[in-house]
Amino acid sequence: MTLRFGADVSTAETDYGTVLLDQRSGHYWELNPTGALVVRTLMEGGDEATAVAALVARFDIDRAQAAQDVGALVRDLREAGLVA
């Protein structure tokens, strides 16, 4: 699944990860480096399994925890109305 942010969502890379701004509400979300890697992987056309593999390869995390974290982040982004 390719992730696409809505037209009213701006992103900015920071030294610590990525910041998302919902211009409709003015709410900000700050993604840590693991969240930023997941979002970047999905935006570049990867699916959730690819994002899990990227987390496991880059960080000291087991596959089950990575899968749980990826699923939770995608669910949170959808519930917040940030992704289409």
PDB file of N, CA and C in Angstrom:
ATOM      1  N   MET A   1       0.835  -1.171   0.000  1.00  0.00           N
ATOM      2  CA  MET A   1       0.000   0.000   0.000  1.00  0.00           C
ATOM      3  C   MET A   1       0.881   1.234   0.000  1.00  0.00           C
ATOM      4  N   THR A   2       0.708   2.063  -0.973  1.00  0.00           N
ATOM      5  CA  THR A   2       1.424   3.322  -1.029  1.00  0.00           C
ATOM      6  C   THR A   2       0.690   4.333  -0.166  1.00  0.00           C
ATOM      7  N   LEU A   3       1.435   5.038   0.639  1.00  0.00           N
ATOM      8  CA  LEU A   3       0.858   6.030   1.544  1.00  0.00           C
ATOM      9  C   LEU A   3       0.884   7.390   0.864  1.00  0.00           C
ATOM     10  N   ARG A   4      -0.240   8.071   0.894  1.00  0.00           N
ATOM     11  CA  ARG A   4      -0.326   9.429   0.357  1.00  0.00           C
ATOM     12  C   ARG A   4      -0.997  10.313   1.390  1.00  0.00           C
ATOM     13  N   PHE A   5      -0.343  11.402   1.729  1.00  0.00           N
ATOM     14  CA  PHE A   5      -0.944  12.354   2.647  1.00  0.00           C
ATOM     15  C   PHE A   5      -1.975  13.183   1.902  1.00  0.00           C
ATOM     16  N   GLY A   6      -2.974  13.654   2.638  1.00  0.00           N
ATOM     17  CA  GLY A   6      -3.976  14.529   2.057  1.00  0.00           C
ATOM     18  C   GLY A   6      -3.346  15.833   1.602  1.00  0.00           C
ATOM     19  N   ALA A   7      -4.061  16.564   0.765  1.00  0.00           N
ATOM     20  CA  ALA A   7      -3.549  17.824   0.207  1.00  0.00           C
ATOM     21  C   ALA A   7      -3.280  18.870   1.279  1.00  0.00           C
ATOM     22  N   ASP A   8      -3.961  18.755   2.414  1.00  0.00           N
ATOM     23  CA  ASP A   8      -3.802  19.738   3.491  1.00  0.00           C
ATOM     24  C   ASP A   8      -2.757  19.336   4.523  1.00  0.00           C
ATOM     25  N   VAL A   9      -1.950  18.334   4.213  1.00  0.00           N
ATOM     26  CA  VAL A   9      -0.924  17.867   5.148  1.00  0.00           C
ATOM     27  C   VAL A   9       0.453  18.224   4.592  1.00  0.00           C
ATOM     28  N   SER A  10       1.215  18.945   5.396  1.00  0.00           N
ATOM     29  CA  SER A  10       2.585  19.305   5.025  1.00  0.00           C
ATOM     30  C   SER A  10       3.548  18.455   5.837  1.00  0.00           C
ATOM     31  N   THR A  11       4.695  18.129   5.243  1.00  0.00           N
ATOM     32  CA  THR A  11       5.717  17.368   5.953  1.00  0.00           C
ATOM     33  C   THR A  11       7.031  18.135   5.917  1.00  0.00           C
ATOM     34  N   ALA A  12       7.814  17.946   6.959  1.00  0.00           N
ATOM     35  CA  ALA A  12       9.140  18.553   7.015  1.00  0.00           C
ATOM     36  C   ALA A  12      10.077  17.586   7.727  1.00  0.00           C
ATOM     37  N   GLU A  13      11.202  17.312   7.095  1.00  0.00           N
ATOM     38  CA  GLU A  13      12.237  16.486   7.711  1.00  0.00           C
ATOM     39  C   GLU A  13      12.970  17.340   8.743  1.00  0.00           C
ATOM     40  N   THR A  14      13.280  16.740   9.883  1.00  0.00           N
ATOM     41  CA  THR A  14      14.033  17.423  10.926  1.00  0.00           C
ATOM     42  C   THR A  14      15.251  16.570  11.280  1.00  0.00           C
ATOM     43  N   ASP A  15      16.073  17.070  12.178  1.00  0.00           N
ATOM     44  CA  ASP A  15      17.223  16.288  12.627  1.00  0.00           C
ATOM     45  C   ASP A  15      16.792  15.051  13.393  1.00  0.00           C
ATOM     46  N   TYR A  16      15.573  15.073  13.947  1.00  0.00           N
ATOM     47  CA  TYR A  16      15.113  13.975  14.772  1.00  0.00           C
ATOM     48  C   TYR A  16      14.120  13.047  14.058  1.00  0.00           C
ATOM     49  N   GLY A  17      13.550  13.451  12.967  1.00  0.00           N
ATOM     50  CA  GLY A  17      12.571  12.618  12.266  1.00  0.00           C
ATOM     51  C   GLY A  17      11.797  13.432  11.263  1.00  0.00           C
ATOM     52  N   THR A  18      10.478  13.414  11.365  1.00  0.00           N
ATOM     53  CA  THR A  18       9.610  14.137  10.447  1.00  0.00           C
ATOM     54  C   THR A  18       8.484  14.785  11.230  1.00  0.00           C
ATOM     55  N   VAL A  19       8.119  15.995  10.827  1.00  0.00           N
ATOM     56  CA  VAL A  19       6.992  16.695  11.417  1.00  0.00           C
ATOM     57  C   VAL A  19       5.888  16.763  10.366  1.00  0.00           C
ATOM     58  N   LEU A  20       4.665  16.464  10.797  1.00  0.00           N
ATOM     59  CA  LEU A  20       3.488  16.557   9.940  1.00  0.00           C
ATOM     60  C   LEU A  20       2.616  17.690  10.453  1.00  0.00           C
ATOM     61  N   LEU A  21       2.067  18.489   9.557  1.00  0.00           N
ATOM     62  CA  LEU A  21       1.154  19.567   9.923  1.00  0.00           C
ATOM     63  C   LEU A  21      -0.147  19.374   9.167  1.00  0.00           C
ATOM     64  N   ASP A  22      -1.236  19.249   9.907  1.00  0.00           N
ATOM     65  CA  ASP A  22      -2.566  19.224   9.318  1.00  0.00           C
ATOM     66  C   ASP A  22      -3.022  20.676   9.241  1.00  0.00           C
ATOM     67  N   GLN A  23      -2.996  21.252   8.055  1.00  0.00           N
ATOM     68  CA  GLN A  23      -3.306  22.674   7.883  1.00  0.00           C
ATOM     69  C   GLN A  23      -4.768  22.983   8.159  1.00  0.00           C
ATOM     70  N   ARG A  24      -5.644  21.987   8.110  1.00  0.00           N
ATOM     71  CA  ARG A  24      -7.063  22.209   8.406  1.00  0.00           C
ATOM     72  C   ARG A  24      -7.266  22.498   9.888  1.00  0.00           C
ATOM     73  N   SER A  25      -6.580  21.733  10.734  1.00  0.00           N
ATOM     74  CA  SER A  25      -6.792  21.854  12.176  1.00  0.00           C
ATOM     75  C   SER A  25      -5.680  22.603  12.891  1.00  0.00           C
ATOM     76  N   GLY A  26      -4.512  22.691  12.252  1.00  0.00           N
ATOM     77  CA  GLY A  26      -3.355  23.302  12.892  1.00  0.00           C
ATOM     78  C   GLY A  26      -2.595  22.353  13.802  1.00  0.00           C
ATOM     79  N   HIS A  27      -2.983  21.083  13.829  1.00  0.00           N
ATOM     80  CA  HIS A  27      -2.305  20.101  14.677  1.00  0.00           C
ATOM     81  C   HIS A  27      -1.010  19.618  14.034  1.00  0.00           C
ATOM     82  N   TYR A  28      -0.013  19.429  14.883  1.00  0.00           N
ATOM     83  CA  TYR A  28       1.288  18.901  14.468  1.00  0.00           C
ATOM     84  C   TYR A  28       1.462  17.490  15.008  1.00  0.00           C
ATOM     85  N   TRP A  29       2.172  16.671  14.258  1.00  0.00           N
ATOM     86  CA  TRP A  29       2.596  15.356  14.723  1.00  0.00           C
ATOM     87  C   TRP A  29       4.088  15.275  14.472  1.00  0.00           C
ATOM     88  N   GLU A  30       4.818  14.788  15.444  1.00  0.00           N
ATOM     89  CA  GLU A  30       6.262  14.597  15.281  1.00  0.00           C
ATOM     90  C   GLU A  30       6.537  13.099  15.264  1.00  0.00           C
ATOM     91  N   LEU A  31       7.139  12.647  14.172  1.00  0.00           N
ATOM     92  CA  LEU A  31       7.505  11.248  14.035  1.00  0.00           C
ATOM     93  C   LEU A  31       8.972  11.091  14.387  1.00  0.00           C
ATOM     94  N   ASN A  32       9.268  10.138  15.258  1.00  0.00           N
ATOM     95  CA  ASN A  32      10.658   9.851  15.595  1.00  0.00           C
ATOM     96  C   ASN A  32      11.326   9.163  14.394  1.00  0.00           C
ATOM     97  N   PRO A  33      12.618   8.854  14.474  1.00  0.00           N
ATOM     98  CA  PRO A  33      13.297   8.256  13.318  1.00  0.00           C
ATOM     99  C   PRO A  33      12.657   6.956  12.825  1.00  0.00           C
ATOM    100  N   THR A  34      12.123   6.142  13.715  1.00  0.00           N
ATOM    101  CA  THR A  34      11.495   4.901  13.249  1.00  0.00           C
ATOM    102  C   THR A  34      10.202   5.208  12.504  1.00  0.00           C
ATOM    103  N   GLY A  35       9.394   6.111  13.045  1.00  0.00           N
ATOM    104  CA  GLY A  35       8.164   6.506  12.354  1.00  0.00           C
ATOM    105  C   GLY A  35       8.447   7.157  11.019  1.00  0.00           C
ATOM    106  N   ALA A  36       9.476   7.991  10.979  1.00  0.00           N
ATOM    107  CA  ALA A  36       9.852   8.648   9.725  1.00  0.00           C
ATOM    108  C   ALA A  36      10.281   7.618   8.683  1.00  0.00           C
ATOM    109  N   LEU A  37      11.011   6.592   9.099  1.00  0.00           N
ATOM    110  CA  LEU A  37      11.438   5.544   8.164  1.00  0.00           C
ATOM    111  C   LEU A  37      10.224   4.790   7.619  1.00  0.00           C
ATOM    112  N   VAL A  38       9.277   4.481   8.481  1.00  0.00           N
ATOM    113  CA  VAL A  38       8.059   3.789   8.038  1.00  0.00           C
ATOM    114  C   VAL A  38       7.315   4.635   7.013  1.00  0.00           C
ATOM    115  N   VAL A  39       7.078   5.901   7.321  1.00  0.00           N
ATOM    116  CA  VAL A  39       6.344   6.778   6.416  1.00  0.00           C
ATOM    117  C   VAL A  39       7.085   6.932   5.092  1.00  0.00           C
ATOM    118  N   ARG A  40       8.376   7.140   5.157  1.00  0.00           N
ATOM    119  CA  ARG A  40       9.166   7.299   3.935  1.00  0.00           C
ATOM    120  C   ARG A  40       9.079   6.039   3.070  1.00  0.00           C
ATOM    121  N   THR A  41       9.195   4.873   3.696  1.00  0.00           N
ATOM    122  CA  THR A  41       9.117   3.611   2.958  1.00  0.00           C
ATOM    123  C   THR A  41       7.761   3.457   2.280  1.00  0.00           C
ATOM    124  N   LEU A  42       6.693   3.762   2.999  1.00  0.00           N
ATOM    125  CA  LEU A  42       5.352   3.631   2.428  1.00  0.00           C
ATOM    126  C   LEU A  42       5.092   4.670   1.344  1.00  0.00           C
ATOM    127  N   MET A  43       5.595   5.883   1.515  1.00  0.00           N
ATOM    128  CA  MET A  43       5.400   6.926   0.510  1.00  0.00           C
ATOM    129  C   MET A  43       6.178   6.634  -0.769  1.00  0.00           C
ATOM    130  N   GLU A  44       7.247   5.872  -0.642  1.00  0.00           N
ATOM    131  CA  GLU A  44       8.047   5.513  -1.819  1.00  0.00           C
ATOM    132  C   GLU A  44       7.519   4.265  -2.510  1.00  0.00           C
ATOM    133  N   GLY A  45       6.327   3.804  -2.106  1.00  0.00           N
ATOM    134  CA  GLY A  45       5.696   2.692  -2.792  1.00  0.00           C
ATOM    135  C   GLY A  45       5.805   1.352  -2.105  1.00  0.00           C
ATOM    136  N   GLY A  46       6.495   1.302  -0.969  1.00  0.00           N
ATOM    137  CA  GLY A  46       6.601   0.054  -0.238  1.00  0.00           C
ATOM    138  C   GLY A  46       5.297  -0.268   0.473  1.00  0.00           C
ATOM    139  N   ASP A  47       5.139  -1.529   0.834  1.00  0.00           N
ATOM    140  CA  ASP A  47       3.969  -1.918   1.613  1.00  0.00           C
ATOM    141  C   ASP A  47       4.375  -2.067   3.073  1.00  0.00           C
ATOM    142  N   GLU A  48       3.430  -2.481   3.913  1.00  0.00           N
ATOM    143  CA  GLU A  48       3.727  -2.589   5.335  1.00  0.00           C
ATOM    144  C   GLU A  48       4.834  -3.612   5.606  1.00  0.00           C
ATOM    145  N   ALA A  49       4.870  -4.704   4.850  1.00  0.00           N
ATOM    146  CA  ALA A  49       5.923  -5.713   5.028  1.00  0.00           C
ATOM    147  C   ALA A  49       7.295  -5.126   4.710  1.00  0.00           C
ATOM    148  N   THR A  50       7.367  -4.276   3.702  1.00  0.00           N
ATOM    149  CA  THR A  50       8.623  -3.616   3.344  1.00  0.00           C
ATOM    150  C   THR A  50       9.060  -2.665   4.457  1.00  0.00           C
ATOM    151  N   ALA A  51       8.088  -1.961   5.048  1.00  0.00           N
ATOM    152  CA  ALA A  51       8.403  -1.049   6.146  1.00  0.00           C
ATOM    153  C   ALA A  51       8.888  -1.821   7.363  1.00  0.00           C
ATOM    154  N   VAL A  52       8.278  -2.976   7.637  1.00  0.00           N
ATOM    155  CA  VAL A  52       8.732  -3.819   8.745  1.00  0.00           C
ATOM    156  C   VAL A  52      10.172  -4.259   8.505  1.00  0.00           C
ATOM    157  N   ALA A  53      10.462  -4.718   7.303  1.00  0.00           N
ATOM    158  CA  ALA A  53      11.820  -5.161   6.967  1.00  0.00           C
ATOM    159  C   ALA A  53      12.822  -4.023   7.111  1.00  0.00           C
ATOM    160  N   ALA A  54      12.434  -2.813   6.727  1.00  0.00           N
ATOM    161  CA  ALA A  54      13.322  -1.655   6.854  1.00  0.00           C
ATOM    162  C   ALA A  54      13.622  -1.359   8.323  1.00  0.00           C
ATOM    163  N   LEU A  55      12.610  -1.457   9.181  1.00  0.00           N
ATOM    164  CA  LEU A  55      12.834  -1.229  10.611  1.00  0.00           C
ATOM    165  C   LEU A  55      13.771  -2.268  11.203  1.00  0.00           C
ATOM    166  N   VAL A  56      13.529  -3.531  10.867  1.00  0.00           N
ATOM    167  CA  VAL A  56      14.357  -4.618  11.403  1.00  0.00           C
ATOM    168  C   VAL A  56      15.803  -4.457  10.947  1.00  0.00           C
ATOM    169  N   ALA A  57      15.998  -4.058   9.696  1.00  0.00           N
ATOM    170  CA  ALA A  57      17.351  -3.905   9.160  1.00  0.00           C
ATOM    171  C   ALA A  57      18.088  -2.729   9.783  1.00  0.00           C
ATOM    172  N   ARG A  58      17.363  -1.663  10.118  1.00  0.00           N
ATOM    173  CA  ARG A  58      18.030  -0.441  10.569  1.00  0.00           C
ATOM    174  C   ARG A  58      18.113  -0.297  12.085  1.00  0.00           C
ATOM    175  N   PHE A  59      17.135  -0.844  12.800  1.00  0.00           N
ATOM    176  CA  PHE A  59      17.083  -0.659  14.243  1.00  0.00           C
ATOM    177  C   PHE A  59      17.101  -2.011  14.946  1.00  0.00           C
ATOM    178  N   ASP A  60      17.454  -1.999  16.203  1.00  0.00           N
ATOM    179  CA  ASP A  60      17.502  -3.220  17.007  1.00  0.00           C
ATOM    180  C   ASP A  60      16.093  -3.532  17.508  1.00  0.00           C
ATOM    181  N   ILE A  61      15.285  -4.147  16.631  1.00  0.00           N
ATOM    182  CA  ILE A  61      13.894  -4.441  16.942  1.00  0.00           C
ATOM    183  C   ILE A  61      13.534  -5.773  16.299  1.00  0.00           C
ATOM    184  N   ASP A  62      12.746  -6.578  17.004  1.00  0.00           N
ATOM    185  CA  ASP A  62      12.364  -7.860  16.413  1.00  0.00           C
ATOM    186  C   ASP A  62      11.196  -7.656  15.449  1.00  0.00           C
ATOM    187  N   ARG A  63      11.022  -8.597  14.556  1.00  0.00           N
ATOM    188  CA  ARG A  63      10.041  -8.493  13.470  1.00  0.00           C
ATOM    189  C   ARG A  63       8.607  -8.327  14.011  1.00  0.00           C
ATOM    190  N   ALA A  64       8.241  -9.065  15.050  1.00  0.00           N
ATOM    191  CA  ALA A  64       6.878  -8.977  15.590  1.00  0.00           C
ATOM    192  C   ALA A  64       6.592  -7.581  16.130  1.00  0.00           C
ATOM    193  N   GLN A  65       7.542  -7.003  16.866  1.00  0.00           N
ATOM    194  CA  GLN A  65       7.353  -5.652  17.396  1.00  0.00           C
ATOM    195  C   GLN A  65       7.299  -4.638  16.268  1.00  0.00           C
ATOM    196  N   ALA A  66       8.158  -4.812  15.263  1.00  0.00           N
ATOM    197  CA  ALA A  66       8.164  -3.897  14.118  1.00  0.00           C
ATOM    198  C   ALA A  66       6.818  -3.934  13.401  1.00  0.00           C
ATOM    199  N   ALA A  67       6.264  -5.131  13.204  1.00  0.00           N
ATOM    200  CA  ALA A  67       4.973  -5.269  12.524  1.00  0.00           C
ATOM    201  C   ALA A  67       3.871  -4.588  13.328  1.00  0.00           C
ATOM    202  N   GLN A  68       3.904  -4.747  14.640  1.00  0.00           N
ATOM    203  CA  GLN A  68       2.912  -4.109  15.501  1.00  0.00           C
ATOM    204  C   GLN A  68       3.031  -2.585  15.415  1.00  0.00           C
ATOM    205  N   ASP A  69       4.261  -2.078  15.432  1.00  0.00           N
ATOM    206  CA  ASP A  69       4.495  -0.634  15.379  1.00  0.00           C
ATOM    207  C   ASP A  69       4.061  -0.037  14.044  1.00  0.00           C
ATOM    208  N   VAL A  70       4.381  -0.721  12.948  1.00  0.00           N
ATOM    209  CA  VAL A  70       3.987  -0.236  11.620  1.00  0.00           C
ATOM    210  C   VAL A  70       2.465  -0.182  11.522  1.00  0.00           C
ATOM    211  N   GLY A  71       1.800  -1.244  11.921  1.00  0.00           N
ATOM    212  CA  GLY A  71       0.343  -1.279  11.873  1.00  0.00           C
ATOM    213  C   GLY A  71      -0.285  -0.171  12.707  1.00  0.00           C
ATOM    214  N   ALA A  72       0.259   0.063  13.888  1.00  0.00           N
ATOM    215  CA  ALA A  72      -0.276   1.104  14.773  1.00  0.00           C
ATOM    216  C   ALA A  72      -0.089   2.495  14.170  1.00  0.00           C
ATOM    217  N   LEU A  73       1.073   2.753  13.577  1.00  0.00           N
ATOM    218  CA  LEU A  73       1.322   4.064  12.980  1.00  0.00           C
ATOM    219  C   LEU A  73       0.381   4.310  11.805  1.00  0.00           C
ATOM    220  N   VAL A  74       0.244   3.342  10.931  1.00  0.00           N
ATOM    221  CA  VAL A  74      -0.645   3.497   9.778  1.00  0.00           C
ATOM    222  C   VAL A  74      -2.083   3.711  10.251  1.00  0.00           C
ATOM    223  N   ARG A  75      -2.512   2.957  11.226  1.00  0.00           N
ATOM    224  CA  ARG A  75      -3.861   3.104  11.780  1.00  0.00           C
ATOM    225  C   ARG A  75      -4.051   4.513  12.378  1.00  0.00           C
ATOM    226  N   ASP A  76      -3.053   4.990  13.134  1.00  0.00           N
ATOM    227  CA  ASP A  76      -3.141   6.327  13.739  1.00  0.00           C
ATOM    228  C   ASP A  76      -3.212   7.424  12.677  1.00  0.00           C
ATOM    229  N   LEU A  77      -2.426   7.292  11.619  1.00  0.00           N
ATOM    230  CA  LEU A  77      -2.448   8.283  10.543  1.00  0.00           C
ATOM    231  C   LEU A  77      -3.805   8.303   9.848  1.00  0.00           C
ATOM    232  N   ARG A  78      -4.381   7.129   9.635  1.00  0.00           N
ATOM    233  CA  ARG A  78      -5.707   7.046   9.010  1.00  0.00           C
ATOM    234  C   ARG A  78      -6.781   7.653   9.926  1.00  0.00           C
ATOM    235  N   GLU A  79      -6.749   7.292  11.195  1.00  0.00           N
ATOM    236  CA  GLU A  79      -7.749   7.804  12.141  1.00  0.00           C
ATOM    237  C   GLU A  79      -7.668   9.314  12.292  1.00  0.00           C
ATOM    238  N   ALA A  80      -6.459   9.868  12.156  1.00  0.00           N
ATOM    239  CA  ALA A  80      -6.280  11.319  12.253  1.00  0.00           C
ATOM    240  C   ALA A  80      -6.694  12.030  10.966  1.00  0.00           C
ATOM    241  N   GLY A  81      -7.010  11.254   9.914  1.00  0.00           N
ATOM    242  CA  GLY A  81      -7.422  11.838   8.644  1.00  0.00           C
ATOM    243  C   GLY A  81      -6.278  12.427   7.848  1.00  0.00           C
ATOM    244  N   LEU A  82      -5.052  11.968   8.126  1.00  0.00           N
ATOM    245  CA  LEU A  82      -3.888  12.537   7.436  1.00  0.00           C
ATOM    246  C   LEU A  82      -3.579  11.867   6.111  1.00  0.00           C
ATOM    247  N   VAL A  83      -4.013  10.624   5.946  1.00  0.00           N
ATOM    248  CA  VAL A  83      -3.700   9.898   4.718  1.00  0.00           C
ATOM    249  C   VAL A  83      -4.975   9.566   3.957  1.00  0.00           C
ATOM    250  N   ALA A  84      -4.805   9.492   2.662  1.00  0.00           N
ATOM    251  CA  ALA A  84      -5.934   9.167   1.791  1.00  0.00           C
ATOM    252  C   ALA A  84      -6.012   7.666   1.578  1.00  0.00           C
TER     253      ALA A  84
END
